Amino acid sequence: MYLMKLIIKVGKAKSRELITLTINSLTVIIFYYLFFENSEIIYPLMLSAFIIIIYFIFEVIKYKVFQEKLKDSQVSPNYRNVSLSSSEEEILGVISEIHKEYLNKIDTLKQEINEREQLFSQWIHNMKTSITVIDLACNQNDLVNRSNKYIEDIKEENNTLKKNLEECLNVLRLDDFSRDYITISCNLRDIINSVVNSKKRDFIYKGVFPIVNIDEGINIYTDRKWCIYMLEQIISNAIKYSESKSSNKIEILAVENNEEIELLIMDEGIGITKEDLPRVFDPFFTGNNGRKERSSTGIGLYMVKIISKKLGHGISLNSKEGSGTEFKIIFRKNSDVY
């Protein structure tokens, strides 16, 4: 298949030369036939065909060698080869200059982006300081005076602002993700219990009961901090979109296979519409359900998708409007894939 493609490429590139050689050969054969009696036409025909075939084979080999040189030149802008012809040297020289120019542009852009991200990160940390001061002031007011509706509203908005700023910081950290995670063997039940306990107030407020069915001996390879972050996003969504009924529950269970652990997080919430399902992991997509929730940003599940990919975990979801949602995360039992 590769040889056929190569022959076709050379045939197209050298079509003029081949046509010229063919016409020249035919002219010689016709001249030989017309001006010489009892002339043998087979010999000049075979000779001409042989010359054309040899020329074509030579061009195919030459083109293949040039392709290999082109591939080598992609590795480094300073590529040099002593066996270059003048035309090849000129072509590869232009490629080298373009390569260098784009590398310089990329380095400049990276530096500008890093400086901008550092600036945004510093601004966010400064705003978090203000949030902490507001929170302390609200708590101090609760100690001195009885809490009132306005202070509670300020607290709620302050918590929302804090959550959004944390999401901004996590987005900024994605580029440096490779320096900010360590995959180790972690106990899955401990991780889930940690996340469920951190969301205890949300479960109580929404009136939803968590059911954890995970064997204590199941271990997974992951980064504990980022895995907890992923699960917090998924479980927060499960709580947020559950209906406030005492009979509603969120079930979390693990299924152990040969080389994998499947973690299932199933809620009995409002579900996701069919048209929204393909886009739930897109950045800033909130969907029909998210538009009803003022706190929805469309960042949480996008971050979950990116982090799971970087950690080597598989993730998928199934949902039906009015029937709840099932998240599936696939972990590895060993570290061979990392």
C-alpha atoms as a PDB file:
ATOM      1  CA  MET A   1       0.000   0.000   0.000  1.00  0.00           C
ATOM      2  CA  TYR A   2       2.815   2.416   0.927  1.00  0.00           C
ATOM      3  CA  LEU A   3       4.762   1.519  -2.263  1.00  0.00           C
ATOM      4  CA  MET A   4       1.682   2.115  -4.415  1.00  0.00           C
ATOM      5  CA  LYS A   5       1.108   5.536  -2.824  1.00  0.00           C
ATOM      6  CA  LEU A   6       4.775   6.375  -3.363  1.00  0.00           C
ATOM      7  CA  ILE A   7       4.597   5.363  -7.046  1.00  0.00           C
ATOM      8  CA  ILE A   8       1.438   7.450  -7.548  1.00  0.00           C
ATOM      9  CA  LYS A   9       3.044  10.492  -5.889  1.00  0.00           C
ATOM     10  CA  VAL A  10       6.188  10.211  -8.019  1.00  0.00           C
ATOM     11  CA  GLY A  11       4.078   9.641 -11.135  1.00  0.00           C
ATOM     12  CA  LYS A  12       2.167  12.867 -10.479  1.00  0.00           C
ATOM     13  CA  ALA A  13       5.302  14.837  -9.577  1.00  0.00           C
ATOM     14  CA  LYS A  14       7.253  13.633 -12.625  1.00  0.00           C
ATOM     15  CA  SER A  15       4.355  13.430 -15.073  1.00  0.00           C
ATOM     16  CA  ARG A  16       5.843  16.051 -17.425  1.00  0.00           C
ATOM     17  CA  GLU A  17       9.226  14.318 -17.604  1.00  0.00           C
ATOM     18  CA  LEU A  18       7.619  10.921 -18.165  1.00  0.00           C
ATOM     19  CA  ILE A  19       5.379  12.286 -20.920  1.00  0.00           C
ATOM     20  CA  THR A  20       8.378  13.980 -22.560  1.00  0.00           C
ATOM     21  CA  LEU A  21      10.412  10.766 -22.427  1.00  0.00           C
ATOM     22  CA  THR A  22       7.512   8.767 -23.853  1.00  0.00           C
ATOM     23  CA  ILE A  23       6.950  11.218 -26.733  1.00  0.00           C
ATOM     24  CA  ASN A  24      10.665  11.290 -27.477  1.00  0.00           C
ATOM     25  CA  SER A  25      10.836   7.482 -27.522  1.00  0.00           C
ATOM     26  CA  LEU A  26       7.792   7.225 -29.788  1.00  0.00           C
ATOM     27  CA  THR A  27       9.275   9.810 -32.152  1.00  0.00           C
ATOM     28  CA  VAL A  28      12.536   7.878 -32.403  1.00  0.00           C
ATOM     29  CA  ILE A  29      10.677   4.604 -32.997  1.00  0.00           C
ATOM     30  CA  ILE A  30       8.463   6.137 -35.724  1.00  0.00           C
ATOM     31  CA  PHE A  31      11.502   7.758 -37.407  1.00  0.00           C
ATOM     32  CA  TYR A  32      13.372   4.444 -37.251  1.00  0.00           C
ATOM     33  CA  TYR A  33      10.405   2.585 -38.728  1.00  0.00           C
ATOM     34  CA  LEU A  34       9.699   5.039 -41.578  1.00  0.00           C
ATOM     35  CA  PHE A  35      13.224   5.622 -42.859  1.00  0.00           C
ATOM     36  CA  PHE A  36      14.719   2.165 -42.586  1.00  0.00           C
ATOM     37  CA  GLU A  37      13.391  -0.767 -44.565  1.00  0.00           C
ATOM     38  CA  ASN A  38      12.723  -4.056 -42.785  1.00  0.00           C
ATOM     39  CA  SER A  39      13.442  -2.368 -39.506  1.00  0.00           C
ATOM     40  CA  GLU A  40      12.910  -4.212 -36.256  1.00  0.00           C
ATOM     41  CA  ILE A  41      10.515  -2.184 -34.048  1.00  0.00           C
ATOM     42  CA  ILE A  42      10.583  -4.436 -30.991  1.00  0.00           C
ATOM     43  CA  TYR A  43      14.203  -3.698 -30.083  1.00  0.00           C
ATOM     44  CA  PRO A  44      13.936   0.148 -29.943  1.00  0.00           C
ATOM     45  CA  LEU A  45      10.568  -0.174 -28.188  1.00  0.00           C
ATOM     46  CA  MET A  46      12.010  -2.401 -25.456  1.00  0.00           C
ATOM     47  CA  LEU A  47      15.070  -0.184 -25.125  1.00  0.00           C
ATOM     48  CA  SER A  48      12.939   2.937 -24.693  1.00  0.00           C
ATOM     49  CA  ALA A  49      10.656   1.232 -22.181  1.00  0.00           C
ATOM     50  CA  PHE A  50      13.676  -0.001 -20.231  1.00  0.00           C
ATOM     51  CA  ILE A  51      15.163   3.509 -20.060  1.00  0.00           C
ATOM     52  CA  ILE A  52      11.824   4.999 -18.886  1.00  0.00           C
ATOM     53  CA  ILE A  53      11.385   2.300 -16.220  1.00  0.00           C
ATOM     54  CA  ILE A  54      14.953   2.756 -14.938  1.00  0.00           C
ATOM     55  CA  TYR A  55      14.423   6.515 -14.778  1.00  0.00           C
ATOM     56  CA  PHE A  56      11.121   6.073 -12.889  1.00  0.00           C
ATOM     57  CA  ILE A  57      12.649   3.611 -10.370  1.00  0.00           C
ATOM     58  CA  PHE A  58      15.515   6.035  -9.774  1.00  0.00           C
ATOM     59  CA  GLU A  59      13.049   8.882  -9.105  1.00  0.00           C
ATOM     60  CA  VAL A  60      10.984   6.721  -6.717  1.00  0.00           C
ATOM     61  CA  ILE A  61      14.088   5.850  -4.679  1.00  0.00           C
ATOM     62  CA  LYS A  62      15.215   9.480  -4.732  1.00  0.00           C
ATOM     63  CA  TYR A  63      11.791  10.671  -3.587  1.00  0.00           C
ATOM     64  CA  LYS A  64      11.686   8.086  -0.764  1.00  0.00           C
ATOM     65  CA  VAL A  65      15.106   9.211   0.514  1.00  0.00           C
ATOM     66  CA  PHE A  66      13.937  12.834   0.390  1.00  0.00           C
ATOM     67  CA  GLN A  67      10.822  11.942   2.418  1.00  0.00           C
ATOM     68  CA  GLU A  68      13.030  10.423   5.113  1.00  0.00           C
ATOM     69  CA  LYS A  69      15.105  13.601   5.200  1.00  0.00           C
ATOM     70  CA  LEU A  70      11.908  15.634   5.568  1.00  0.00           C
ATOM     71  CA  LYS A  71      10.847  13.524   8.548  1.00  0.00           C
ATOM     72  CA  ASP A  72      14.255  14.014  10.154  1.00  0.00           C
ATOM     73  CA  SER A  73      14.014  17.767   9.618  1.00  0.00           C
ATOM     74  CA  GLN A  74      10.769  17.842  11.636  1.00  0.00           C
ATOM     75  CA  VAL A  75      12.661  16.772  14.761  1.00  0.00           C
ATOM     76  CA  SER A  76      14.988  19.754  14.923  1.00  0.00           C
ATOM     77  CA  PRO A  77      15.249  23.117  13.165  1.00  0.00           C
ATOM     78  CA  ASN A  78      19.039  22.609  13.027  1.00  0.00           C
ATOM     79  CA  TYR A  79      18.830  19.466  10.889  1.00  0.00           C
ATOM     80  CA  ARG A  80      21.849  18.948   8.635  1.00  0.00           C
ATOM     81  CA  ASN A  81      22.682  16.193   6.161  1.00  0.00           C
ATOM     82  CA  VAL A  82      25.867  16.048   4.076  1.00  0.00           C
ATOM     83  CA  SER A  83      24.164  14.133   1.255  1.00  0.00           C
ATOM     84  CA  LEU A  84      21.701  16.904   0.426  1.00  0.00           C
ATOM     85  CA  SER A  85      21.434  18.088  -3.141  1.00  0.00           C
ATOM     86  CA  SER A  86      21.252  21.815  -3.836  1.00  0.00           C
ATOM     87  CA  SER A  87      17.456  21.786  -4.307  1.00  0.00           C
ATOM     88  CA  GLU A  88      16.922  19.637  -1.203  1.00  0.00           C
ATOM     89  CA  GLU A  89      19.197  21.882   0.835  1.00  0.00           C
ATOM     90  CA  GLU A  90      17.208  24.914  -0.264  1.00  0.00           C
ATOM     91  CA  ILE A  91      13.857  23.293   0.627  1.00  0.00           C
ATOM     92  CA  LEU A  92      15.038  22.000   3.998  1.00  0.00           C
ATOM     93  CA  GLY A  93      16.674  25.361   4.720  1.00  0.00           C
ATOM     94  CA  VAL A  94      13.332  27.127   4.276  1.00  0.00           C
ATOM     95  CA  ILE A  95      11.638  24.514   6.502  1.00  0.00           C
ATOM     96  CA  SER A  96      14.349  25.037   9.125  1.00  0.00           C
ATOM     97  CA  GLU A  97      13.802  28.806   9.136  1.00  0.00           C
ATOM     98  CA  ILE A  98      10.040  28.369   9.452  1.00  0.00           C
ATOM     99  CA  HIS A  99      10.605  25.843  12.228  1.00  0.00           C
ATOM    100  CA  LYS A 100      12.837  28.247  14.166  1.00  0.00           C
ATOM    101  CA  GLU A 101      10.424  31.143  13.695  1.00  0.00           C
ATOM    102  CA  TYR A 102       7.453  29.188  15.015  1.00  0.00           C
ATOM    103  CA  LEU A 103       9.433  27.800  17.949  1.00  0.00           C
ATOM    104  CA  ASN A 104      10.373  31.361  18.920  1.00  0.00           C
ATOM    105  CA  LYS A 105       6.744  32.438  18.621  1.00  0.00           C
ATOM    106  CA  ILE A 106       5.592  29.473  20.719  1.00  0.00           C
ATOM    107  CA  ASP A 107       8.181  30.233  23.418  1.00  0.00           C
ATOM    108  CA  THR A 108       7.089  33.879  23.477  1.00  0.00           C
ATOM    109  CA  LEU A 109       3.421  32.908  23.744  1.00  0.00           C
ATOM    110  CA  LYS A 110       4.154  30.406  26.525  1.00  0.00           C
ATOM    111  CA  GLN A 111       6.034  33.064  28.467  1.00  0.00           C
ATOM    112  CA  GLU A 112       3.191  35.559  28.038  1.00  0.00           C
ATOM    113  CA  ILE A 113       0.601  32.966  29.097  1.00  0.00           C
ATOM    114  CA  ASN A 114       2.641  31.958  32.157  1.00  0.00           C
ATOM    115  CA  GLU A 115       3.025  35.599  33.213  1.00  0.00           C
ATOM    116  CA  ARG A 116      -0.711  36.182  32.748  1.00  0.00           C
ATOM    117  CA  GLU A 117      -1.617  33.046  34.689  1.00  0.00           C
ATOM    118  CA  GLN A 118       0.675  34.053  37.542  1.00  0.00           C
ATOM    119  CA  LEU A 119      -0.988  37.467  37.593  1.00  0.00           C
ATOM    120  CA  PHE A 120      -4.486  35.954  37.635  1.00  0.00           C
ATOM    121  CA  SER A 121      -3.428  33.478  40.311  1.00  0.00           C
ATOM    122  CA  GLN A 122      -2.146  36.320  42.505  1.00  0.00           C
ATOM    123  CA  TRP A 123      -5.369  38.284  42.014  1.00  0.00           C
ATOM    124  CA  ILE A 124      -7.443  35.237  42.944  1.00  0.00           C
ATOM    125  CA  HIS A 125      -5.408  34.664  46.109  1.00  0.00           C
ATOM    126  CA  ASN A 126      -5.884  38.346  47.029  1.00  0.00           C
ATOM    127  CA  MET A 127      -9.654  37.990  46.545  1.00  0.00           C
ATOM    128  CA  LYS A 128      -9.647  34.838  48.696  1.00  0.00           C
ATOM    129  CA  THR A 129      -8.083  36.899  51.473  1.00  0.00           C
ATOM    130  CA  SER A 130     -10.983  39.340  51.234  1.00  0.00           C
ATOM    131  CA  ILE A 131     -13.422  36.422  51.317  1.00  0.00           C
ATOM    132  CA  THR A 132     -11.804  35.146  54.516  1.00  0.00           C
ATOM    133  CA  VAL A 133     -12.142  38.592  56.122  1.00  0.00           C
ATOM    134  CA  ILE A 134     -15.834  38.773  55.134  1.00  0.00           C
ATOM    135  CA  ASP A 135     -16.422  35.298  56.562  1.00  0.00           C
ATOM    136  CA  LEU A 136     -14.730  36.240  59.850  1.00  0.00           C
ATOM    137  CA  ALA A 137     -16.786  39.428  60.051  1.00  0.00           C
ATOM    138  CA  CYS A 138     -20.020  37.481  59.537  1.00  0.00           C
ATOM    139  CA  ASN A 139     -19.064  34.966  62.222  1.00  0.00           C
ATOM    140  CA  GLN A 140     -18.157  37.788  64.599  1.00  0.00           C
ATOM    141  CA  ASN A 141     -21.540  39.344  63.986  1.00  0.00           C
ATOM    142  CA  ASP A 142     -23.210  36.032  64.856  1.00  0.00           C
ATOM    143  CA  LEU A 143     -21.369  36.034  68.188  1.00  0.00           C
ATOM    144  CA  VAL A 144     -22.265  39.609  69.077  1.00  0.00           C
ATOM    145  CA  ASN A 145     -25.765  39.793  67.642  1.00  0.00           C
ATOM    146  CA  ARG A 146     -28.321  37.280  66.569  1.00  0.00           C
ATOM    147  CA  SER A 147     -27.863  36.181  62.985  1.00  0.00           C
ATOM    148  CA  ASN A 148     -30.226  37.788  60.525  1.00  0.00           C
ATOM    149  CA  LYS A 149     -31.317  37.137  56.971  1.00  0.00           C
ATOM    150  CA  TYR A 150     -28.966  39.684  55.443  1.00  0.00           C
ATOM    151  CA  ILE A 151     -25.888  38.224  57.104  1.00  0.00           C
ATOM    152  CA  GLU A 152     -26.940  34.718  56.004  1.00  0.00           C
ATOM    153  CA  ASP A 153     -27.293  35.980  52.430  1.00  0.00           C
ATOM    154  CA  ILE A 154     -23.822  37.509  52.598  1.00  0.00           C
ATOM    155  CA  LYS A 155     -22.416  34.214  53.904  1.00  0.00           C
ATOM    156  CA  GLU A 156     -24.057  32.249  51.104  1.00  0.00           C
ATOM    157  CA  GLU A 157     -22.786  34.600  48.400  1.00  0.00           C
ATOM    158  CA  ASN A 158     -19.362  34.610  50.013  1.00  0.00           C
ATOM    159  CA  ASN A 159     -19.225  30.791  49.911  1.00  0.00           C
ATOM    160  CA  THR A 160     -20.314  30.815  46.270  1.00  0.00           C
ATOM    161  CA  LEU A 161     -17.600  33.324  45.432  1.00  0.00           C
ATOM    162  CA  LYS A 162     -15.024  31.209  47.273  1.00  0.00           C
ATOM    163  CA  LYS A 163     -16.080  28.095  45.350  1.00  0.00           C
ATOM    164  CA  ASN A 164     -15.832  29.915  41.998  1.00  0.00           C
ATOM    165  CA  LEU A 165     -12.373  31.251  42.810  1.00  0.00           C
ATOM    166  CA  GLU A 166     -11.194  27.752  43.743  1.00  0.00           C
ATOM    167  CA  GLU A 167     -12.440  26.503  40.376  1.00  0.00           C
ATOM    168  CA  CYS A 168     -10.505  29.297  38.639  1.00  0.00           C
ATOM    169  CA  LEU A 169      -7.326  28.263  40.459  1.00  0.00           C
ATOM    170  CA  ASN A 170      -7.829  24.627  39.479  1.00  0.00           C
ATOM    171  CA  VAL A 171      -8.247  25.604  35.816  1.00  0.00           C
ATOM    172  CA  LEU A 172      -5.011  27.625  35.999  1.00  0.00           C
ATOM    173  CA  ARG A 173      -3.222  24.620  37.541  1.00  0.00           C
ATOM    174  CA  LEU A 174      -4.135  22.301  34.664  1.00  0.00           C
ATOM    175  CA  ASP A 175      -1.106  23.313  32.568  1.00  0.00           C
ATOM    176  CA  ASP A 176       1.203  22.382  35.465  1.00  0.00           C
ATOM    177  CA  PHE A 177      -0.742  19.225  36.244  1.00  0.00           C
ATOM    178  CA  SER A 178       2.194  16.899  35.515  1.00  0.00           C
ATOM    179  CA  ARG A 179       4.148  18.525  38.364  1.00  0.00           C
ATOM    180  CA  ASP A 180       1.219  18.503  40.768  1.00  0.00           C
ATOM    181  CA  TYR A 181       0.187  14.864  41.061  1.00  0.00           C
ATOM    182  CA  ILE A 182       1.610  11.605  42.351  1.00  0.00           C
ATOM    183  CA  THR A 183      -0.131   8.293  41.655  1.00  0.00           C
ATOM    184  CA  ILE A 184       0.006   5.931  44.609  1.00  0.00           C
ATOM    185  CA  SER A 185      -2.058   3.035  45.915  1.00  0.00           C
ATOM    186  CA  CYS A 186      -5.097   4.470  47.726  1.00  0.00           C
ATOM    187  CA  ASN A 187      -7.945   2.799  49.561  1.00  0.00           C
ATOM    188  CA  LEU A 188     -11.099   3.543  47.607  1.00  0.00           C
ATOM    189  CA  ARG A 189     -13.474   3.280  50.580  1.00  0.00           C
ATOM    190  CA  ASP A 190     -11.400   5.786  52.575  1.00  0.00           C
ATOM    191  CA  ILE A 191     -11.502   8.263  49.696  1.00  0.00           C
ATOM    192  CA  ILE A 192     -15.274   7.913  49.279  1.00  0.00           C
ATOM    193  CA  ASN A 193     -15.896   8.241  53.028  1.00  0.00           C
ATOM    194  CA  SER A 194     -13.759  11.390  53.078  1.00  0.00           C
ATOM    195  CA  VAL A 195     -15.809  12.957  50.260  1.00  0.00           C
ATOM    196  CA  VAL A 196     -19.173  11.890  51.739  1.00  0.00           C
ATOM    197  CA  ASN A 197     -18.238  13.285  55.171  1.00  0.00           C
ATOM    198  CA  SER A 198     -17.183  16.599  53.623  1.00  0.00           C
ATOM    199  CA  LYS A 199     -20.625  16.806  51.971  1.00  0.00           C
ATOM    200  CA  LYS A 200     -22.562  15.797  55.092  1.00  0.00           C
ATOM    201  CA  ARG A 201     -24.215  19.200  55.468  1.00  0.00           C
ATOM    202  CA  ASP A 202     -25.287  19.182  51.798  1.00  0.00           C
ATOM    203  CA  PHE A 203     -26.806  15.709  52.155  1.00  0.00           C
ATOM    204  CA  ILE A 204     -28.761  16.807  55.252  1.00  0.00           C
ATOM    205  CA  TYR A 205     -29.897  20.082  53.688  1.00  0.00           C
ATOM    206  CA  LYS A 206     -31.149  18.330  50.553  1.00  0.00           C
ATOM    207  CA  GLY A 207     -32.667  15.407  52.472  1.00  0.00           C
ATOM    208  CA  VAL A 208     -30.772  12.802  50.459  1.00  0.00           C
ATOM    209  CA  PHE A 209     -29.220   9.701  52.029  1.00  0.00           C
ATOM    210  CA  PRO A 210     -25.844   8.328  50.833  1.00  0.00           C
ATOM    211  CA  ILE A 211     -25.368   4.558  50.558  1.00  0.00           C
ATOM    212  CA  VAL A 212     -21.753   3.407  50.252  1.00  0.00           C
ATOM    213  CA  ASN A 213     -21.208  -0.200  49.225  1.00  0.00           C
ATOM    214  CA  ILE A 214     -17.450  -0.607  48.735  1.00  0.00           C
ATOM    215  CA  ASP A 215     -15.289  -3.410  50.070  1.00  0.00           C
ATOM    216  CA  GLU A 216     -12.618  -2.224  52.513  1.00  0.00           C
ATOM    217  CA  GLY A 217      -9.883  -4.146  50.698  1.00  0.00           C
ATOM    218  CA  ILE A 218     -10.230  -2.379  47.318  1.00  0.00           C
ATOM    219  CA  ASN A 219      -7.205  -0.245  46.427  1.00  0.00           C
ATOM    220  CA  ILE A 220      -6.728   1.904  43.330  1.00  0.00           C
ATOM    221  CA  TYR A 221      -3.790   3.761  41.790  1.00  0.00           C
ATOM    222  CA  THR A 222      -4.541   7.477  41.602  1.00  0.00           C
ATOM    223  CA  ASP A 223      -3.592  10.857  42.985  1.00  0.00           C
ATOM    224  CA  ARG A 224      -5.575  11.197  46.217  1.00  0.00           C
ATOM    225  CA  LYS A 225      -6.009  14.974  46.095  1.00  0.00           C
ATOM    226  CA  TRP A 226      -7.198  15.162  42.487  1.00  0.00           C
ATOM    227  CA  CYS A 227      -9.326  12.033  42.825  1.00  0.00           C
ATOM    228  CA  ILE A 228     -11.117  13.587  45.814  1.00  0.00           C
ATOM    229  CA  TYR A 229     -11.642  16.742  43.772  1.00  0.00           C
ATOM    230  CA  MET A 230     -13.222  14.719  40.934  1.00  0.00           C
ATOM    231  CA  LEU A 231     -15.527  12.824  43.282  1.00  0.00           C
ATOM    232  CA  GLU A 232     -16.541  16.037  45.076  1.00  0.00           C
ATOM    233  CA  GLN A 233     -17.667  17.516  41.761  1.00  0.00           C
ATOM    234  CA  ILE A 234     -19.667  14.422  40.792  1.00  0.00           C
ATOM    235  CA  ILE A 235     -21.280  13.914  44.210  1.00  0.00           C
ATOM    236  CA  SER A 236     -22.040  17.646  44.511  1.00  0.00           C
ATOM    237  CA  ASN A 237     -23.912  17.459  41.208  1.00  0.00           C
ATOM    238  CA  ALA A 238     -25.737  14.323  42.354  1.00  0.00           C
ATOM    239  CA  ILE A 239     -26.873  16.138  45.513  1.00  0.00           C
ATOM    240  CA  LYS A 240     -27.695  19.380  43.732  1.00  0.00           C
ATOM    241  CA  TYR A 241     -29.949  17.755  41.146  1.00  0.00           C
ATOM    242  CA  SER A 242     -31.647  15.314  43.524  1.00  0.00           C
ATOM    243  CA  GLU A 243     -35.194  16.061  44.569  1.00  0.00           C
ATOM    244  CA  SER A 244     -35.739  16.915  48.232  1.00  0.00           C
ATOM    245  CA  LYS A 245     -37.431  13.704  49.327  1.00  0.00           C
ATOM    246  CA  SER A 246     -36.570  11.642  52.378  1.00  0.00           C
ATOM    247  CA  SER A 247     -36.764   8.446  50.319  1.00  0.00           C
ATOM    248  CA  ASN A 248     -34.199   9.640  47.773  1.00  0.00           C
ATOM    249  CA  LYS A 249     -30.682   8.266  47.961  1.00  0.00           C
ATOM    250  CA  ILE A 250     -27.312   8.416  46.248  1.00  0.00           C
ATOM    251  CA  GLU A 251     -25.728   4.988  45.905  1.00  0.00           C
ATOM    252  CA  ILE A 252     -21.961   4.593  45.572  1.00  0.00           C
ATOM    253  CA  LEU A 253     -20.612   1.134  44.833  1.00  0.00           C
ATOM    254  CA  ALA A 254     -17.497  -0.508  43.363  1.00  0.00           C
ATOM    255  CA  VAL A 255     -17.319  -3.452  40.972  1.00  0.00           C
ATOM    256  CA  GLU A 256     -13.992  -5.313  40.859  1.00  0.00           C
ATOM    257  CA  ASN A 257     -12.846  -6.847  37.566  1.00  0.00           C
ATOM    258  CA  ASN A 258      -9.585  -8.514  36.520  1.00  0.00           C
ATOM    259  CA  GLU A 259      -7.426  -5.401  36.089  1.00  0.00           C
ATOM    260  CA  GLU A 260      -9.934  -2.636  36.758  1.00  0.00           C
ATOM    261  CA  ILE A 261     -12.175  -1.199  39.452  1.00  0.00           C
ATOM    262  CA  GLU A 262     -15.466   0.338  38.322  1.00  0.00           C
ATOM    263  CA  LEU A 263     -16.838   2.983  40.658  1.00  0.00           C
ATOM    264  CA  LEU A 264     -20.534   3.723  40.153  1.00  0.00           C
ATOM    265  CA  ILE A 265     -22.239   6.824  41.555  1.00  0.00           C
ATOM    266  CA  MET A 266     -26.008   6.636  41.036  1.00  0.00           C
ATOM    267  CA  ASP A 267     -28.580   9.240  42.024  1.00  0.00           C
ATOM    268  CA  GLU A 268     -32.360   9.420  41.762  1.00  0.00           C
ATOM    269  CA  GLY A 269     -32.430  13.022  40.627  1.00  0.00           C
ATOM    270  CA  ILE A 270     -33.990  14.890  37.751  1.00  0.00           C
ATOM    271  CA  GLY A 271     -31.645  13.343  35.169  1.00  0.00           C
ATOM    272  CA  ILE A 272     -30.222  14.901  32.017  1.00  0.00           C
ATOM    273  CA  THR A 273     -32.113  15.554  28.803  1.00  0.00           C
ATOM    274  CA  LYS A 274     -31.153  13.555  25.723  1.00  0.00           C
ATOM    275  CA  GLU A 275     -29.976  16.625  23.807  1.00  0.00           C
ATOM    276  CA  ASP A 276     -27.703  17.745  26.678  1.00  0.00           C
ATOM    277  CA  LEU A 277     -25.947  14.382  27.215  1.00  0.00           C
ATOM    278  CA  PRO A 278     -23.269  14.732  24.477  1.00  0.00           C
ATOM    279  CA  ARG A 279     -22.170  18.122  25.859  1.00  0.00           C
ATOM    280  CA  VAL A 280     -22.122  17.658  29.634  1.00  0.00           C
ATOM    281  CA  PHE A 281     -18.296  17.548  29.705  1.00  0.00           C
ATOM    282  CA  ASP A 282     -17.879  20.676  27.548  1.00  0.00           C
ATOM    283  CA  PRO A 283     -16.426  23.743  29.303  1.00  0.00           C
ATOM    284  CA  PHE A 284     -19.000  26.283  30.549  1.00  0.00           C
ATOM    285  CA  PHE A 285     -21.914  24.119  29.391  1.00  0.00           C
ATOM    286  CA  THR A 286     -24.686  24.168  31.990  1.00  0.00           C
ATOM    287  CA  GLY A 287     -27.582  22.674  30.015  1.00  0.00           C
ATOM    288  CA  ASN A 288     -31.262  22.894  30.852  1.00  0.00           C
ATOM    289  CA  ASN A 289     -30.732  21.815  34.458  1.00  0.00           C
ATOM    290  CA  GLY A 290     -27.829  24.177  35.052  1.00  0.00           C
ATOM    291  CA  ARG A 291     -29.831  27.195  33.929  1.00  0.00           C
ATOM    292  CA  LYS A 292     -32.243  26.545  36.805  1.00  0.00           C
ATOM    293  CA  GLU A 293     -29.348  26.513  39.302  1.00  0.00           C
ATOM    294  CA  ARG A 294     -27.751  29.942  39.712  1.00  0.00           C
ATOM    295  CA  SER A 295     -24.567  28.409  41.178  1.00  0.00           C
ATOM    296  CA  SER A 296     -23.847  26.278  38.101  1.00  0.00           C
ATOM    297  CA  THR A 297     -20.703  27.339  36.220  1.00  0.00           C
ATOM    298  CA  GLY A 298     -20.209  24.520  33.703  1.00  0.00           C
ATOM    299  CA  ILE A 299     -16.612  24.017  34.884  1.00  0.00           C
ATOM    300  CA  GLY A 300     -16.950  21.075  37.308  1.00  0.00           C
ATOM    301  CA  LEU A 301     -17.559  18.211  34.867  1.00  0.00           C
ATOM    302  CA  TYR A 302     -15.134  19.688  32.350  1.00  0.00           C
ATOM    303  CA  MET A 303     -12.435  19.544  35.034  1.00  0.00           C
ATOM    304  CA  VAL A 304     -13.476  15.984  35.922  1.00  0.00           C
ATOM    305  CA  LYS A 305     -13.040  14.901  32.291  1.00  0.00           C
ATOM    306  CA  ILE A 306      -9.623  16.569  31.927  1.00  0.00           C
ATOM    307  CA  ILE A 307      -8.270  15.267  35.254  1.00  0.00           C
ATOM    308  CA  SER A 308      -9.537  11.722  34.680  1.00  0.00           C
ATOM    309  CA  LYS A 309      -7.806  11.663  31.287  1.00  0.00           C
ATOM    310  CA  LYS A 310      -4.509  12.918  32.752  1.00  0.00           C
ATOM    311  CA  LEU A 311      -4.683  10.339  35.556  1.00  0.00           C
ATOM    312  CA  GLY A 312      -5.489   7.537  33.113  1.00  0.00           C
ATOM    313  CA  HIS A 313      -9.014   6.909  34.451  1.00  0.00           C
ATOM    314  CA  GLY A 314     -11.980   6.191  32.227  1.00  0.00           C
ATOM    315  CA  ILE A 315     -15.191   8.119  32.830  1.00  0.00           C
ATOM    316  CA  SER A 316     -18.690   7.943  31.393  1.00  0.00           C
ATOM    317  CA  LEU A 317     -22.261   8.661  32.381  1.00  0.00           C
ATOM    318  CA  ASN A 318     -25.737   7.410  31.592  1.00  0.00           C
ATOM    319  CA  SER A 319     -28.827   9.414  32.328  1.00  0.00           C
ATOM    320  CA  LYS A 320     -32.471   9.724  31.469  1.00  0.00           C
ATOM    321  CA  GLU A 321     -34.602  12.732  32.167  1.00  0.00           C
ATOM    322  CA  GLY A 322     -36.650  12.151  35.308  1.00  0.00           C
ATOM    323  CA  SER A 323     -34.864   8.871  36.160  1.00  0.00           C
ATOM    324  CA  GLY A 324     -31.538   9.944  37.644  1.00  0.00           C
ATOM    325  CA  THR A 325     -27.910   9.746  36.518  1.00  0.00           C
ATOM    326  CA  GLU A 326     -25.192   7.099  36.759  1.00  0.00           C
ATOM    327  CA  PHE A 327     -21.516   8.077  36.688  1.00  0.00           C
ATOM    328  CA  LYS A 328     -18.888   5.413  36.053  1.00  0.00           C
ATOM    329  CA  ILE A 329     -15.186   5.901  36.787  1.00  0.00           C
ATOM    330  CA  ILE A 330     -12.751   3.142  35.811  1.00  0.00           C
ATOM    331  CA  PHE A 331      -9.576   2.857  37.914  1.00  0.00           C
ATOM    332  CA  ARG A 332      -6.590   0.562  37.413  1.00  0.00           C
ATOM    333  CA  LYS A 333      -5.444  -1.864  40.085  1.00  0.00           C
ATOM    334  CA  ASN A 334      -1.754  -1.337  39.311  1.00  0.00           C
ATOM    335  CA  SER A 335       0.561   1.437  38.207  1.00  0.00           C
ATOM    336  CA  ASP A 336       1.669  -0.096  34.896  1.00  0.00           C
ATOM    337  CA  VAL A 337      -0.368   2.392  32.834  1.00  0.00           C
ATOM    338  CA  TYR A 338       1.067   5.532  34.422  1.00  0.00           C
END
